[in-house]
Amino acid sequence: MARGAPAGERQPAPGAHDWRSPRLLDADAQAAGAVVMQQLEAFRHDDFATAYTFASVNVRQMFDRAGFEQMVRGGYPEIAHSASATIDGSRRGDAGEIYLFIRVLGDNGRAIEAVYGWFPRAVAGASTAW
């Protein structure tokens, strides 16, 4: 028997992306995932200078290196100090963007789920170039 969405939850329109069930990684998503994992590894070693080099263009425009470190440490402690991370899957948006679904276990014992967006240069407001 197929299970429907809980009462009050919207069902995706036919043909729309169902963000609740990410797909396996294609080559582009694997490449993007490798970069995310490199950034997380830099965070684990308190190497915010290296982690900053992996930040999107938009993030680098909003924060200098010190501000980036403060933002990550203050707002995302599990990412700033993760014990482990896995990529659970990906989705591709209508404009070619890639969304990576990442599960992070912080060294504080808390687990979070994060979505990282990767955007091709042609998309207005692109945050990364791949």
N, C-alpha and C. Protein backbone atom coordinates (compact mmCIF):
# COMPACT_ATOMS: atom_id res chain seq x y z
N MET A 1 0.84 -1.17 0.00
CA MET A 1 0.00 0.00 0.00
C MET A 1 0.89 1.25 0.00
N ALA A 2 0.62 2.17 -0.87
CA ALA A 2 1.39 3.41 -0.94
C ALA A 2 0.99 4.33 0.20
N ARG A 3 1.96 4.96 0.76
CA ARG A 3 1.71 5.88 1.86
C ARG A 3 1.64 7.29 1.34
N GLY A 4 0.67 8.04 1.76
CA GLY A 4 0.55 9.43 1.36
C GLY A 4 1.29 10.34 2.32
N ALA A 5 1.28 11.61 2.03
CA ALA A 5 1.90 12.60 2.91
C ALA A 5 1.04 12.77 4.15
N PRO A 6 1.66 13.13 5.29
CA PRO A 6 0.87 13.39 6.49
C PRO A 6 -0.16 14.49 6.22
N ALA A 7 -1.22 14.48 6.99
CA ALA A 7 -2.27 15.48 6.83
C ALA A 7 -1.67 16.88 6.84
N GLY A 8 -2.09 17.69 5.90
CA GLY A 8 -1.62 19.07 5.84
C GLY A 8 -0.34 19.25 5.03
N GLU A 9 0.36 18.16 4.68
CA GLU A 9 1.59 18.28 3.90
C GLU A 9 1.25 18.27 2.42
N ARG A 10 1.81 19.20 1.68
CA ARG A 10 1.54 19.28 0.24
C ARG A 10 2.26 18.18 -0.51
N GLN A 11 1.58 17.58 -1.44
CA GLN A 11 2.19 16.61 -2.34
C GLN A 11 2.83 17.38 -3.50
N PRO A 12 3.98 16.90 -4.01
CA PRO A 12 4.55 17.57 -5.18
C PRO A 12 3.64 17.41 -6.38
N ALA A 13 3.63 18.42 -7.23
CA ALA A 13 2.84 18.35 -8.46
C ALA A 13 3.42 17.25 -9.36
N PRO A 14 2.61 16.65 -10.20
CA PRO A 14 3.13 15.63 -11.10
C PRO A 14 4.30 16.18 -11.90
N GLY A 15 5.40 15.42 -11.93
CA GLY A 15 6.60 15.84 -12.66
C GLY A 15 7.51 16.77 -11.87
N ALA A 16 7.05 17.27 -10.72
CA ALA A 16 7.88 18.15 -9.90
C ALA A 16 8.89 17.32 -9.13
N HIS A 17 9.95 17.97 -8.68
CA HIS A 17 10.97 17.30 -7.88
C HIS A 17 10.39 16.96 -6.51
N ASP A 18 10.62 15.75 -6.05
CA ASP A 18 10.27 15.38 -4.69
C ASP A 18 11.55 15.44 -3.89
N TRP A 19 11.76 16.52 -3.17
CA TRP A 19 13.01 16.77 -2.45
C TRP A 19 13.20 15.81 -1.28
N ARG A 20 12.16 15.07 -0.93
CA ARG A 20 12.28 14.14 0.20
C ARG A 20 12.99 12.86 -0.19
N SER A 21 13.18 12.59 -1.46
CA SER A 21 13.85 11.36 -1.87
C SER A 21 14.94 11.68 -2.88
N PRO A 22 16.12 12.06 -2.38
CA PRO A 22 17.23 12.41 -3.28
C PRO A 22 17.70 11.20 -4.09
N ARG A 23 18.30 11.50 -5.21
CA ARG A 23 18.81 10.47 -6.12
C ARG A 23 20.28 10.19 -5.84
N LEU A 24 20.76 9.12 -6.43
CA LEU A 24 22.17 8.80 -6.37
C LEU A 24 22.96 9.90 -7.06
N LEU A 25 24.24 9.99 -6.77
CA LEU A 25 25.07 11.05 -7.30
C LEU A 25 25.52 10.76 -8.73
N ASP A 26 25.32 11.76 -9.61
CA ASP A 26 25.90 11.66 -10.95
C ASP A 26 27.31 12.25 -10.88
N ALA A 27 28.01 12.29 -12.00
CA ALA A 27 29.41 12.75 -12.00
C ALA A 27 29.55 14.17 -11.48
N ASP A 28 28.64 15.08 -11.88
CA ASP A 28 28.72 16.47 -11.40
C ASP A 28 28.49 16.53 -9.89
N ALA A 29 27.52 15.78 -9.41
CA ALA A 29 27.24 15.78 -7.97
C ALA A 29 28.39 15.16 -7.19
N GLN A 30 29.04 14.14 -7.75
CA GLN A 30 30.19 13.54 -7.09
C GLN A 30 31.33 14.56 -6.98
N ALA A 31 31.54 15.34 -8.04
CA ALA A 31 32.59 16.37 -8.01
C ALA A 31 32.26 17.44 -6.98
N ALA A 32 31.01 17.88 -6.96
CA ALA A 32 30.59 18.88 -5.97
C ALA A 32 30.73 18.31 -4.56
N GLY A 33 30.35 17.05 -4.38
CA GLY A 33 30.46 16.41 -3.08
C GLY A 33 31.90 16.32 -2.60
N ALA A 34 32.82 16.07 -3.51
CA ALA A 34 34.24 16.01 -3.13
C ALA A 34 34.71 17.35 -2.57
N VAL A 35 34.25 18.44 -3.17
CA VAL A 35 34.62 19.77 -2.69
C VAL A 35 34.03 20.02 -1.31
N VAL A 36 32.77 19.66 -1.11
CA VAL A 36 32.13 19.84 0.20
C VAL A 36 32.89 19.06 1.26
N MET A 37 33.27 17.83 0.94
CA MET A 37 33.99 17.00 1.91
C MET A 37 35.37 17.58 2.22
N GLN A 38 36.01 18.18 1.22
CA GLN A 38 37.30 18.84 1.47
C GLN A 38 37.12 20.02 2.41
N GLN A 39 36.04 20.77 2.22
CA GLN A 39 35.79 21.90 3.10
C GLN A 39 35.53 21.41 4.53
N LEU A 40 34.72 20.37 4.67
CA LEU A 40 34.44 19.83 6.00
C LEU A 40 35.72 19.33 6.67
N GLU A 41 36.59 18.72 5.90
CA GLU A 41 37.88 18.25 6.44
C GLU A 41 38.71 19.44 6.93
N ALA A 42 38.71 20.52 6.16
CA ALA A 42 39.44 21.72 6.61
C ALA A 42 38.85 22.25 7.91
N PHE A 43 37.52 22.29 8.01
CA PHE A 43 36.89 22.72 9.26
C PHE A 43 37.33 21.84 10.42
N ARG A 44 37.39 20.53 10.21
CA ARG A 44 37.78 19.59 11.28
C ARG A 44 39.16 19.90 11.83
N HIS A 45 40.02 20.44 10.98
CA HIS A 45 41.39 20.78 11.38
C HIS A 45 41.53 22.25 11.77
N ASP A 46 40.40 22.92 11.99
CA ASP A 46 40.40 24.35 12.31
C ASP A 46 41.16 25.16 11.27
N ASP A 47 41.16 24.72 10.03
CA ASP A 47 41.83 25.42 8.94
C ASP A 47 40.79 26.22 8.17
N PHE A 48 40.37 27.33 8.78
CA PHE A 48 39.34 28.14 8.16
C PHE A 48 39.85 28.89 6.94
N ALA A 49 41.15 29.09 6.84
CA ALA A 49 41.71 29.73 5.64
C ALA A 49 41.46 28.84 4.42
N THR A 50 41.72 27.54 4.56
CA THR A 50 41.47 26.62 3.46
C THR A 50 39.97 26.45 3.23
N ALA A 51 39.21 26.31 4.29
CA ALA A 51 37.75 26.14 4.16
C ALA A 51 37.15 27.33 3.41
N TYR A 52 37.68 28.52 3.67
CA TYR A 52 37.17 29.73 3.01
C TYR A 52 37.39 29.66 1.50
N THR A 53 38.46 29.01 1.05
CA THR A 53 38.71 28.93 -0.40
C THR A 53 37.65 28.10 -1.10
N PHE A 54 36.93 27.25 -0.36
CA PHE A 54 35.86 26.44 -0.94
C PHE A 54 34.50 27.15 -0.86
N ALA A 55 34.43 28.28 -0.20
CA ALA A 55 33.17 29.00 -0.06
C ALA A 55 32.73 29.57 -1.41
N SER A 56 31.44 29.73 -1.56
CA SER A 56 30.90 30.27 -2.81
C SER A 56 31.31 31.72 -2.99
N VAL A 57 31.20 32.18 -4.21
CA VAL A 57 31.49 33.58 -4.53
C VAL A 57 30.59 34.49 -3.70
N ASN A 58 29.31 34.14 -3.60
CA ASN A 58 28.38 34.98 -2.82
C ASN A 58 28.79 35.04 -1.36
N VAL A 59 29.19 33.92 -0.77
CA VAL A 59 29.62 33.91 0.63
C VAL A 59 30.87 34.74 0.80
N ARG A 60 31.81 34.63 -0.14
CA ARG A 60 33.05 35.43 -0.04
C ARG A 60 32.78 36.92 -0.22
N GLN A 61 31.71 37.26 -0.94
CA GLN A 61 31.34 38.67 -1.06
C GLN A 61 30.70 39.19 0.22
N MET A 62 30.02 38.31 0.95
CA MET A 62 29.35 38.73 2.18
C MET A 62 30.29 38.74 3.39
N PHE A 63 31.31 37.87 3.39
CA PHE A 63 32.18 37.72 4.56
C PHE A 63 33.63 37.73 4.14
N ASP A 64 34.46 38.43 4.92
CA ASP A 64 35.89 38.23 4.77
C ASP A 64 36.23 36.93 5.50
N ARG A 65 37.48 36.52 5.48
CA ARG A 65 37.84 35.23 6.06
C ARG A 65 37.48 35.13 7.55
N ALA A 66 37.78 36.18 8.30
CA ALA A 66 37.48 36.18 9.73
C ALA A 66 35.97 36.15 9.98
N GLY A 67 35.21 36.89 9.20
CA GLY A 67 33.76 36.90 9.34
C GLY A 67 33.16 35.55 8.97
N PHE A 68 33.74 34.90 7.98
CA PHE A 68 33.31 33.56 7.58
C PHE A 68 33.50 32.58 8.73
N GLU A 69 34.66 32.63 9.35
CA GLU A 69 34.92 31.74 10.48
C GLU A 69 33.94 31.99 11.61
N GLN A 70 33.70 33.24 11.93
CA GLN A 70 32.76 33.59 12.99
C GLN A 70 31.35 33.09 12.66
N MET A 71 30.94 33.26 11.41
CA MET A 71 29.61 32.83 10.98
C MET A 71 29.46 31.31 11.11
N VAL A 72 30.46 30.56 10.64
CA VAL A 72 30.37 29.10 10.68
C VAL A 72 30.42 28.60 12.12
N ARG A 73 31.36 29.11 12.91
CA ARG A 73 31.47 28.66 14.31
C ARG A 73 30.20 28.99 15.10
N GLY A 74 29.66 30.19 14.89
CA GLY A 74 28.50 30.63 15.66
C GLY A 74 27.18 30.05 15.18
N GLY A 75 27.02 29.89 13.88
CA GLY A 75 25.74 29.46 13.34
C GLY A 75 25.65 27.99 12.99
N TYR A 76 26.79 27.36 12.78
CA TYR A 76 26.81 25.98 12.31
C TYR A 76 27.87 25.16 13.06
N PRO A 77 27.71 25.00 14.37
CA PRO A 77 28.76 24.33 15.16
C PRO A 77 29.02 22.89 14.71
N GLU A 78 28.00 22.18 14.24
CA GLU A 78 28.20 20.81 13.79
C GLU A 78 29.04 20.76 12.52
N ILE A 79 28.90 21.77 11.68
CA ILE A 79 29.72 21.84 10.47
C ILE A 79 31.12 22.33 10.81
N ALA A 80 31.23 23.29 11.72
CA ALA A 80 32.54 23.80 12.11
C ALA A 80 33.41 22.71 12.72
N HIS A 81 32.79 21.78 13.41
CA HIS A 81 33.53 20.68 14.04
C HIS A 81 32.74 19.39 13.89
N SER A 82 32.82 18.79 12.71
CA SER A 82 32.09 17.55 12.48
C SER A 82 32.97 16.35 12.85
N ALA A 83 32.31 15.32 13.35
CA ALA A 83 32.99 14.05 13.59
C ALA A 83 32.94 13.20 12.33
N SER A 84 31.84 13.33 11.58
CA SER A 84 31.69 12.60 10.33
C SER A 84 30.65 13.29 9.46
N ALA A 85 30.67 12.94 8.19
CA ALA A 85 29.68 13.48 7.25
C ALA A 85 29.50 12.49 6.11
N THR A 86 28.27 12.38 5.65
CA THR A 86 27.97 11.53 4.50
C THR A 86 27.07 12.28 3.54
N ILE A 87 27.21 11.98 2.28
CA ILE A 87 26.32 12.54 1.27
C ILE A 87 25.24 11.50 1.02
N ASP A 88 24.01 11.85 1.34
CA ASP A 88 22.90 10.91 1.21
C ASP A 88 22.30 10.88 -0.19
N GLY A 89 22.57 11.88 -0.99
CA GLY A 89 22.04 11.91 -2.35
C GLY A 89 22.06 13.32 -2.90
N SER A 90 21.47 13.47 -4.06
CA SER A 90 21.46 14.78 -4.72
C SER A 90 20.20 14.91 -5.56
N ARG A 91 19.92 16.13 -5.92
CA ARG A 91 18.85 16.47 -6.85
C ARG A 91 19.38 17.55 -7.77
N ARG A 92 18.87 17.54 -8.99
CA ARG A 92 19.21 18.60 -9.93
C ARG A 92 17.98 19.46 -10.13
N GLY A 93 18.18 20.77 -10.03
CA GLY A 93 17.08 21.70 -10.22
C GLY A 93 16.83 21.97 -11.69
N ASP A 94 15.79 22.73 -11.95
CA ASP A 94 15.38 23.02 -13.33
C ASP A 94 16.40 23.81 -14.12
N ALA A 95 17.23 24.61 -13.44
CA ALA A 95 18.23 25.43 -14.13
C ALA A 95 19.61 24.76 -14.13
N GLY A 96 19.66 23.48 -13.76
CA GLY A 96 20.93 22.75 -13.77
C GLY A 96 21.65 22.76 -12.45
N GLU A 97 21.12 23.45 -11.47
CA GLU A 97 21.78 23.49 -10.16
C GLU A 97 21.73 22.12 -9.50
N ILE A 98 22.68 21.88 -8.63
CA ILE A 98 22.77 20.60 -7.92
C ILE A 98 22.56 20.87 -6.43
N TYR A 99 21.71 20.08 -5.83
CA TYR A 99 21.50 20.14 -4.38
C TYR A 99 22.02 18.85 -3.78
N LEU A 100 22.97 18.96 -2.87
CA LEU A 100 23.53 17.81 -2.18
C LEU A 100 22.90 17.71 -0.80
N PHE A 101 22.47 16.51 -0.44
CA PHE A 101 21.87 16.27 0.86
C PHE A 101 22.92 15.60 1.74
N ILE A 102 23.34 16.31 2.77
CA ILE A 102 24.47 15.86 3.58
C ILE A 102 24.03 15.69 5.02
N ARG A 103 24.44 14.59 5.60
CA ARG A 103 24.18 14.31 7.02
C ARG A 103 25.50 14.51 7.76
N VAL A 104 25.48 15.36 8.77
CA VAL A 104 26.69 15.72 9.50
C VAL A 104 26.50 15.38 10.98
N LEU A 105 27.48 14.70 11.54
CA LEU A 105 27.49 14.45 12.98
C LEU A 105 28.56 15.35 13.57
N GLY A 106 28.12 16.27 14.42
CA GLY A 106 29.06 17.18 15.06
C GLY A 106 29.81 16.49 16.18
N ASP A 107 31.01 16.99 16.50
CA ASP A 107 31.73 16.40 17.62
C ASP A 107 31.05 16.72 18.95
N ASN A 108 29.97 17.52 18.89
CA ASN A 108 29.14 17.79 20.06
C ASN A 108 28.07 16.71 20.24
N GLY A 109 28.05 15.71 19.34
CA GLY A 109 27.10 14.61 19.43
C GLY A 109 25.78 14.84 18.71
N ARG A 110 25.57 16.04 18.19
CA ARG A 110 24.32 16.33 17.48
C ARG A 110 24.48 16.07 15.99
N ALA A 111 23.44 15.46 15.41
CA ALA A 111 23.41 15.21 13.98
C ALA A 111 22.50 16.23 13.31
N ILE A 112 22.93 16.71 12.15
CA ILE A 112 22.10 17.63 11.37
C ILE A 112 22.07 17.16 9.93
N GLU A 113 21.08 17.64 9.21
CA GLU A 113 21.01 17.43 7.77
C GLU A 113 21.18 18.79 7.12
N ALA A 114 22.04 18.84 6.12
CA ALA A 114 22.30 20.09 5.43
C ALA A 114 22.08 19.90 3.94
N VAL A 115 21.68 20.96 3.28
CA VAL A 115 21.54 20.95 1.82
C VAL A 115 22.52 21.98 1.28
N TYR A 116 23.44 21.52 0.46
CA TYR A 116 24.40 22.41 -0.20
C TYR A 116 23.95 22.60 -1.63
N GLY A 117 23.87 23.85 -2.09
CA GLY A 117 23.48 24.15 -3.45
C GLY A 117 24.68 24.53 -4.29
N TRP A 118 24.77 23.97 -5.48
CA TRP A 118 25.81 24.29 -6.46
C TRP A 118 25.12 24.80 -7.71
N PHE A 119 25.59 25.94 -8.21
CA PHE A 119 24.91 26.60 -9.32
C PHE A 119 25.86 26.83 -10.47
N PRO A 120 25.45 26.47 -11.69
CA PRO A 120 26.31 26.75 -12.85
C PRO A 120 26.42 28.25 -13.06
N ARG A 121 27.47 28.68 -13.69
CA ARG A 121 27.73 30.11 -13.90
C ARG A 121 26.58 30.81 -14.60
N ALA A 122 25.87 30.11 -15.45
CA ALA A 122 24.82 30.73 -16.25
C ALA A 122 23.60 31.12 -15.42
N VAL A 123 23.48 30.56 -14.21
CA VAL A 123 22.31 30.87 -13.37
C VAL A 123 22.56 32.20 -12.67
N ALA A 124 21.58 33.11 -12.78
CA ALA A 124 21.72 34.43 -12.15
C ALA A 124 22.00 34.26 -10.67
N GLY A 125 22.94 35.02 -10.15
CA GLY A 125 23.28 34.95 -8.74
C GLY A 125 24.07 33.69 -8.40
N ALA A 126 24.75 33.12 -9.40
CA ALA A 126 25.47 31.87 -9.17
C ALA A 126 26.44 32.00 -8.02
N SER A 127 26.50 30.95 -7.21
CA SER A 127 27.39 31.00 -6.06
C SER A 127 28.65 30.23 -6.26
N THR A 128 28.72 29.36 -7.24
CA THR A 128 29.95 28.63 -7.51
C THR A 128 30.13 28.51 -9.01
N ALA A 129 31.34 28.18 -9.40
CA ALA A 129 31.63 27.89 -10.80
C ALA A 129 32.12 26.47 -10.87
N TRP A 130 31.55 25.67 -11.72
CA TRP A 130 32.04 24.30 -11.87
C TRP A 130 32.24 23.94 -13.29
